[in-house]
Protein backbone atom coordinates (compact mmCIF):
# COMPACT_ATOMS: atom_id res chain seq x y z
CA MET A 1 6.21 -13.83 -31.28
CA PRO A 2 5.10 -10.20 -30.86
CA ARG A 3 3.39 -9.31 -27.61
CA ALA A 4 -0.19 -8.24 -28.13
CA PHE A 5 -1.54 -8.07 -24.59
CA SER A 6 -3.06 -4.95 -23.10
CA SER A 7 -4.85 -3.88 -19.97
CA GLU A 8 -7.55 -2.32 -22.12
CA VAL A 9 -11.00 -3.84 -22.40
CA GLY A 10 -11.16 -3.76 -26.17
CA THR A 11 -10.40 -1.69 -29.22
CA GLY A 12 -12.08 1.06 -31.21
CA SER A 13 -15.78 1.56 -30.67
CA ARG A 14 -15.85 -1.30 -28.13
CA GLN A 15 -13.65 0.77 -25.79
CA GLU A 16 -16.00 3.73 -26.13
CA ASN A 17 -19.03 1.53 -25.47
CA ALA A 18 -17.32 -0.07 -22.46
CA SER A 19 -16.48 3.36 -21.07
CA LYS A 20 -20.07 4.47 -21.41
CA GLN A 21 -21.30 1.24 -19.81
CA LYS A 22 -18.89 1.60 -16.89
CA SER A 23 -20.38 4.98 -16.07
CA LYS A 24 -23.77 3.29 -15.69
CA ASN A 25 -22.89 -0.04 -14.07
CA PRO A 26 -19.83 -1.70 -12.57
CA PRO A 27 -18.13 -4.17 -14.93
CA ARG A 28 -19.70 -7.62 -15.14
CA ILE A 29 -17.27 -10.52 -15.06
CA LEU A 30 -18.29 -14.00 -16.15
CA CYS A 31 -16.60 -16.55 -13.86
CA ILE A 32 -16.49 -20.02 -15.41
CA GLY A 33 -15.83 -23.03 -13.20
CA ILE A 34 -17.31 -25.77 -11.07
CA PRO A 35 -18.72 -24.73 -7.67
CA VAL A 36 -17.73 -26.87 -4.68
CA ARG A 37 -19.21 -27.38 -1.23
CA ASP A 38 -16.33 -27.02 1.27
CA LEU A 39 -16.35 -28.76 4.65
CA ILE A 40 -13.67 -26.98 6.71
CA PHE A 41 -11.91 -28.30 9.82
CA ARG A 42 -9.36 -26.35 11.86
CA ILE A 43 -6.76 -28.72 13.31
CA GLU A 44 -3.51 -28.44 15.26
CA GLU A 45 -1.61 -30.75 12.91
CA LEU A 46 -2.29 -33.17 10.08
CA PRO A 47 -2.89 -36.73 11.28
CA GLU A 48 -0.48 -39.47 10.37
CA ARG A 49 -1.75 -42.33 8.24
CA GLY A 50 -4.30 -44.37 10.17
CA PHE A 51 -4.54 -41.82 13.03
CA LYS A 52 -7.39 -39.54 14.07
CA VAL A 53 -7.31 -35.93 15.26
CA SER A 54 -9.96 -33.62 16.72
CA ALA A 55 -10.87 -30.35 15.06
CA SER A 56 -11.14 -27.15 17.07
CA HIS A 57 -13.63 -25.61 14.65
CA PHE A 58 -15.92 -26.68 11.81
CA ASP A 59 -17.65 -24.68 9.10
CA GLN A 60 -19.11 -25.25 5.66
CA ILE A 61 -19.10 -22.77 2.79
CA GLY A 62 -19.42 -22.66 -0.97
CA GLY A 63 -16.07 -22.91 -2.72
CA GLY A 64 -14.26 -23.61 -5.97
CA ASN A 65 -12.13 -21.22 -8.01
CA ALA A 66 -14.95 -19.49 -9.89
CA LEU A 67 -17.25 -19.18 -6.89
CA ASN A 68 -14.46 -17.78 -4.70
CA ALA A 69 -13.37 -15.32 -7.37
CA SER A 70 -16.94 -14.11 -7.90
CA ILE A 71 -17.27 -13.35 -4.19
CA GLY A 72 -14.04 -11.37 -4.29
CA ILE A 73 -15.22 -9.42 -7.35
CA VAL A 74 -18.53 -8.43 -5.77
CA ARG A 75 -16.88 -7.42 -2.50
CA LEU A 76 -14.55 -5.15 -4.51
CA GLY A 77 -17.39 -3.39 -6.29
CA GLY A 78 -17.78 -5.40 -9.49
CA ARG A 79 -20.62 -7.56 -10.75
CA ALA A 80 -20.14 -11.31 -11.11
CA SER A 81 -21.99 -14.03 -12.98
CA ILE A 82 -21.01 -17.65 -12.49
CA CYS A 83 -21.29 -20.34 -15.16
CA GLY A 84 -20.49 -24.03 -15.09
CA PRO A 85 -21.82 -27.47 -14.21
CA MET A 86 -23.46 -28.46 -10.95
CA GLY A 87 -25.09 -31.59 -9.64
CA ASP A 88 -28.76 -32.45 -9.70
CA ALA A 89 -31.11 -29.58 -8.83
CA ALA A 90 -32.61 -31.59 -5.98
CA GLU A 91 -29.26 -32.35 -4.39
CA THR A 92 -28.49 -30.87 -0.95
CA SER A 93 -25.10 -29.40 -1.91
CA SER A 94 -26.55 -27.77 -5.01
CA ARG A 95 -29.32 -26.03 -3.08
CA TYR A 96 -26.85 -24.95 -0.38
CA ILE A 97 -24.51 -23.31 -2.91
CA PHE A 98 -27.33 -21.50 -4.70
CA ASP A 99 -28.49 -20.02 -1.39
CA LYS A 100 -24.97 -18.85 -0.53
CA LEU A 101 -24.44 -17.26 -3.94
CA ALA A 102 -27.75 -15.41 -3.66
CA GLU A 103 -26.65 -13.98 -0.31
CA GLU A 104 -23.57 -12.52 -2.00
CA GLY A 105 -25.53 -10.99 -4.88
CA ILE A 106 -23.93 -13.22 -7.53
CA ASP A 107 -25.84 -13.97 -10.74
CA THR A 108 -26.48 -17.74 -10.94
CA ARG A 109 -28.65 -17.85 -14.07
CA HIS A 110 -25.94 -19.53 -16.14
CA LEU A 111 -25.16 -22.45 -13.81
CA VAL A 112 -26.11 -25.74 -15.45
CA HIS A 113 -27.70 -28.53 -13.38
CA MET A 114 -26.77 -32.03 -14.57
CA PRO A 115 -29.43 -34.61 -13.56
CA GLY A 116 -28.24 -37.46 -11.40
CA LEU A 117 -24.77 -36.03 -10.77
CA VAL A 118 -23.21 -34.84 -7.53
CA THR A 119 -21.97 -31.29 -6.94
CA PRO A 120 -18.26 -31.47 -6.01
CA ILE A 121 -17.43 -31.58 -2.32
CA SER A 122 -14.14 -30.91 -0.49
CA ASN A 123 -12.83 -31.88 2.93
CA ILE A 124 -10.42 -29.08 3.92
CA MET A 125 -8.09 -29.11 6.92
CA ILE A 126 -6.45 -25.83 8.02
CA ASP A 127 -3.44 -25.90 10.36
CA PRO A 128 -2.30 -23.09 12.71
CA SER A 129 -0.05 -21.59 9.99
CA GLY A 130 -3.12 -21.00 7.82
CA GLU A 131 -2.07 -23.58 5.23
CA ARG A 132 -4.75 -25.92 3.98
CA THR A 133 -4.87 -29.56 2.93
CA ALA A 134 -7.84 -30.65 0.82
CA VAL A 135 -9.44 -33.77 -0.58
CA THR A 136 -11.99 -33.07 -3.32
CA PHE A 137 -14.42 -35.24 -5.27
CA ARG A 138 -15.52 -34.03 -8.72
CA ASP A 139 -17.68 -36.33 -10.81
CA PRO A 140 -15.92 -36.82 -14.18
CA GLU A 141 -19.30 -36.53 -15.92
CA LEU A 142 -19.45 -32.85 -14.98
CA TRP A 143 -16.92 -32.08 -17.72
CA LYS A 144 -19.47 -33.14 -20.35
CA VAL A 145 -21.54 -30.02 -19.67
CA SER A 146 -22.78 -27.86 -22.54
CA LEU A 147 -22.68 -24.17 -21.62
CA PRO A 148 -25.41 -21.73 -22.71
CA ASP A 149 -25.06 -19.94 -26.05
CA ALA A 150 -22.18 -17.48 -26.41
CA ASP A 151 -24.50 -14.58 -27.28
CA ILE A 152 -26.27 -15.07 -23.95
CA LEU A 153 -23.10 -15.45 -21.87
CA LEU A 154 -21.20 -12.58 -23.49
CA ASP A 155 -24.03 -10.06 -23.39
CA ASP A 156 -22.94 -7.16 -21.13
CA CYS A 157 -19.74 -9.11 -20.34
CA SER A 158 -16.66 -7.03 -19.50
CA ALA A 159 -14.31 -10.01 -19.03
CA ILE A 160 -14.16 -13.78 -18.56
CA LEU A 161 -12.30 -15.42 -15.68
CA THR A 162 -11.87 -19.17 -15.89
CA GLU A 163 -9.53 -21.91 -14.72
CA SER A 164 -7.38 -24.17 -16.84
CA ARG A 165 -9.17 -27.34 -15.72
CA CYS A 166 -12.32 -26.08 -17.47
CA ALA A 167 -10.66 -25.89 -20.90
CA GLU A 168 -12.63 -28.86 -22.18
CA PHE A 169 -15.95 -27.01 -22.05
CA CYS A 170 -15.02 -23.32 -22.20
CA THR A 171 -12.23 -22.87 -24.79
CA ASP A 172 -14.60 -22.16 -27.69
CA LEU A 173 -16.44 -19.55 -25.62
CA CYS A 174 -13.15 -17.93 -24.62
CA ALA A 175 -12.00 -17.82 -28.24
CA GLU A 176 -15.27 -16.12 -29.21
CA ALA A 177 -14.85 -13.61 -26.39
CA ARG A 178 -11.39 -12.71 -27.70
CA ARG A 179 -12.82 -12.24 -31.19
CA ARG A 180 -15.22 -9.73 -29.65
CA GLY A 181 -12.41 -7.90 -27.85
CA ILE A 182 -13.37 -9.20 -24.39
CA PRO A 183 -10.45 -10.01 -22.03
CA VAL A 184 -10.08 -13.64 -20.93
CA VAL A 185 -8.10 -14.30 -17.74
CA VAL A 186 -7.10 -17.90 -17.03
CA ASP A 187 -6.16 -19.15 -13.57
CA VAL A 188 -3.63 -21.93 -14.21
CA ASP A 189 -3.15 -23.96 -11.03
CA ARG A 190 -2.23 -27.32 -12.56
CA THR A 191 -0.07 -28.61 -15.40
CA MET A 192 -1.27 -27.28 -18.75
CA SER A 193 -0.50 -28.81 -22.15
CA LEU A 194 1.64 -26.57 -24.35
CA ARG A 195 -0.85 -27.38 -27.12
CA GLU A 196 -3.81 -26.29 -25.00
CA GLY A 197 -6.25 -24.02 -26.84
CA LEU A 198 -6.56 -21.67 -23.87
CA LEU A 199 -2.98 -20.55 -24.48
CA THR A 200 -4.22 -18.53 -27.43
CA ALA A 201 -7.89 -18.19 -26.46
CA SER A 202 -6.87 -15.94 -23.56
CA SER A 203 -5.54 -12.45 -23.00
CA HIS A 204 -3.98 -13.07 -19.57
CA LEU A 205 -2.55 -16.31 -18.14
CA VAL A 206 -1.73 -16.28 -14.42
CA PHE A 207 0.03 -19.43 -13.20
CA SER A 208 0.76 -20.74 -9.75
CA SER A 209 4.49 -21.34 -9.41
CA ASP A 210 4.16 -25.15 -9.39
CA ALA A 211 1.85 -25.15 -12.42
CA LEU A 212 4.17 -22.78 -14.27
CA ARG A 213 7.20 -25.00 -13.79
CA SER A 214 5.43 -28.24 -14.61
CA THR A 215 3.76 -26.74 -17.69
CA ALA A 216 7.03 -25.43 -19.11
CA GLY A 217 9.13 -28.35 -17.89
CA ILE A 218 11.61 -25.85 -16.42
CA ALA A 219 12.51 -25.44 -12.75
CA ASP A 220 13.09 -21.67 -12.96
CA ASP A 221 9.93 -19.52 -12.99
CA GLY A 222 11.40 -16.76 -15.11
CA GLU A 223 12.70 -19.10 -17.80
CA ALA A 224 9.38 -20.95 -17.73
CA LEU A 225 7.50 -17.73 -18.45
CA LYS A 226 9.83 -16.95 -21.35
CA LYS A 227 9.34 -20.41 -22.84
CA ILE A 228 5.56 -20.15 -22.72
CA ALA A 229 5.74 -16.62 -24.15
CA ARG A 230 6.98 -18.11 -27.41
CA LEU A 231 3.65 -19.93 -27.76
CA THR A 232 1.12 -17.21 -26.93
CA PRO A 233 0.65 -13.45 -27.18
CA SER A 234 -1.14 -13.44 -23.80
CA PHE A 235 0.14 -11.56 -20.77
CA LEU A 236 1.99 -14.08 -18.56
CA ALA A 237 2.51 -14.08 -14.81
CA GLY A 238 3.39 -16.55 -12.08
CA THR A 239 2.29 -16.11 -8.46
CA GLN A 240 4.89 -17.01 -5.83
CA GLY A 241 3.05 -16.58 -2.53
CA PRO A 242 4.94 -14.33 -0.10
CA GLN A 243 7.53 -13.61 -2.80
CA GLY A 244 4.94 -11.79 -4.89
CA THR A 245 4.23 -12.16 -8.60
CA LEU A 246 6.72 -12.57 -11.44
CA TRP A 247 5.57 -11.39 -14.87
CA LEU A 248 6.67 -10.45 -18.36
CA ASP A 249 6.22 -6.91 -19.64
CA GLU A 250 5.55 -5.96 -23.27
CA ASN A 251 9.27 -6.23 -24.03
CA GLN A 252 9.44 -9.73 -22.49
CA ASN A 253 11.49 -8.43 -19.58
CA LEU A 254 10.87 -10.02 -16.20
CA GLN A 255 9.21 -7.84 -13.59
CA ARG A 256 8.25 -8.59 -10.00
CA THR A 257 5.33 -7.22 -8.01
CA PRO A 258 6.05 -7.75 -4.28
CA ALA A 259 3.60 -9.20 -1.80
CA PHE A 260 2.11 -7.44 1.22
CA PRO A 261 3.27 -8.49 4.72
CA VAL A 262 0.37 -9.87 6.73
CA HIS A 263 -0.21 -12.34 9.54
CA THR A 264 -1.66 -15.35 7.71
CA VAL A 265 -4.33 -17.46 9.38
CA ASP A 266 -6.17 -18.94 6.37
CA THR A 267 -4.97 -19.18 2.75
CA LEU A 268 -8.14 -20.91 1.52
CA GLY A 269 -9.53 -18.91 -1.42
CA ALA A 270 -6.69 -16.37 -1.44
CA GLY A 271 -5.51 -17.28 -4.93
CA ASP A 272 -9.04 -17.09 -6.27
CA VAL A 273 -9.56 -13.66 -4.68
CA PHE A 274 -6.28 -12.60 -6.35
CA HIS A 275 -7.53 -13.68 -9.78
CA GLY A 276 -10.93 -12.06 -9.26
CA ALA A 277 -9.36 -8.78 -8.16
CA PHE A 278 -6.88 -8.83 -11.05
CA THR A 279 -9.65 -9.42 -13.58
CA LEU A 280 -11.73 -6.61 -12.13
CA ALA A 281 -8.72 -4.29 -12.28
CA ILE A 282 -8.22 -5.18 -15.96
CA THR A 283 -11.82 -4.23 -16.75
CA GLU A 284 -11.20 -0.91 -14.99
CA ASN A 285 -8.23 -0.27 -17.31
CA GLN A 286 -5.74 -0.29 -14.46
CA GLU A 287 -2.13 -0.48 -15.66
CA LEU A 288 -0.77 -4.03 -15.33
CA ARG A 289 1.60 -3.33 -12.43
CA GLN A 290 -1.16 -1.49 -10.60
CA ALA A 291 -3.63 -4.33 -11.31
CA LEU A 292 -1.22 -6.89 -9.84
CA ARG A 293 -0.69 -4.77 -6.71
CA PHE A 294 -4.45 -4.39 -6.34
CA ALA A 295 -4.87 -8.18 -6.60
CA SER A 296 -1.99 -8.82 -4.20
CA ALA A 297 -3.50 -6.49 -1.59
CA ALA A 298 -6.91 -8.18 -1.85
CA ALA A 299 -5.40 -11.65 -1.46
CA ALA A 300 -3.22 -10.56 1.46
CA LEU A 301 -6.16 -9.17 3.39
CA LYS A 302 -8.16 -12.35 2.77
CA CYS A 303 -5.32 -14.39 4.32
CA THR A 304 -5.70 -12.52 7.62
CA ARG A 305 -9.18 -13.99 8.20
CA PHE A 306 -10.82 -17.39 8.42
CA GLY A 307 -13.68 -18.25 6.09
CA GLY A 308 -12.23 -18.89 2.65
CA ALA A 309 -13.37 -16.36 0.06
CA TYR A 310 -16.19 -15.32 2.39
CA ALA A 311 -13.45 -13.45 4.23
CA ALA A 312 -12.58 -11.46 1.09
CA PRO A 313 -12.09 -7.74 1.75
CA GLU A 314 -14.22 -4.78 0.74
CA ARG A 315 -12.86 -2.23 -1.75
CA ILE A 316 -12.12 0.41 0.87
CA GLU A 317 -9.91 -2.00 2.81
CA VAL A 318 -7.83 -2.78 -0.27
CA GLU A 319 -7.46 0.90 -1.10
CA GLN A 320 -6.31 1.63 2.45
CA LEU A 321 -3.66 -1.09 2.28
CA LEU A 322 -2.46 0.17 -1.09
CA ALA A 323 -2.24 3.69 0.30
CA GLN A 324 0.12 2.46 3.02
CA GLY A 325 2.47 1.30 0.26
CA GLN A 326 4.00 -1.49 2.34
CA THR A 327 5.15 -4.63 0.52
CA VAL A 328 7.53 -7.46 1.25
CA ASP A 329 11.06 -6.66 0.17
CA SER A 330 12.24 -9.22 -2.37
CA ALA A 331 15.19 -9.78 -4.63
CA PRO A 332 15.01 -8.23 -8.09
CA PRO A 333 13.79 -10.51 -10.87
CA PRO A 334 16.41 -12.59 -12.65
CA PRO A 335 17.88 -11.10 -15.83
């Protein structure tokens, strides 16, 4: 299948219009997902079954892929709108998340309250290495949400960023965005059906390593990318943590973008910041390798601080890290 992906926002007159718009306002990215209220505990080690441990620190923040990514986008100089289902408007978690989003300057007009339902909540434990363990409750009824009309959501929209778990209620919107020449970036962090509509209703698919392997049914990341490439014209990449990002170029050759060496204290939200930064870079017409380095730098800096995506870096910090040009040395990609 011929490769049709591009780092450009659109084609023809749409590119000209986008260029003119960019000179007036930063790009606006529509982040589609389900916000979560995160209860965070710092612990020395995970308890064994039936045991109790004491936490050294507690905090609560808004979370979820879309919410985290939107924070990262705004911190990096973009504009972010968030769209997706939430619990009842009178619910405590719902009000808490709206207040937090307002503090970050994120547009919440397109969030949909679902009467009688509960906004998702996560219990997150972070150990001294910065790794997190989470238990999350999401009401299955949330997936029955009906999003606002496409003309409303796509007005002044430079790109869509969504997650694969939201395919049930956002695929049609993503397909319409592609018809209008709007990039659609999908964060794939769980097994995806090879018949999933988002495979072709997207312009960029960025997998976690585990999700990539389980989706393709292949243990090697590079071969998994090549298998999926036969099913979609979208740009394909797989994130590999400290090993960087493996991706396919326009000739279906494997490329690797290395990671940045940092002292990690908290990985919560790092992947979401990566996806938000990458999507913003795409709207800015950054070349793909440059966009991946930009995203990697943003995620690396986030990992050096506690606070989930609320520890996402500002643009100047990312640019300073990129200027240093230091990345983790890694083996070349497989042939």
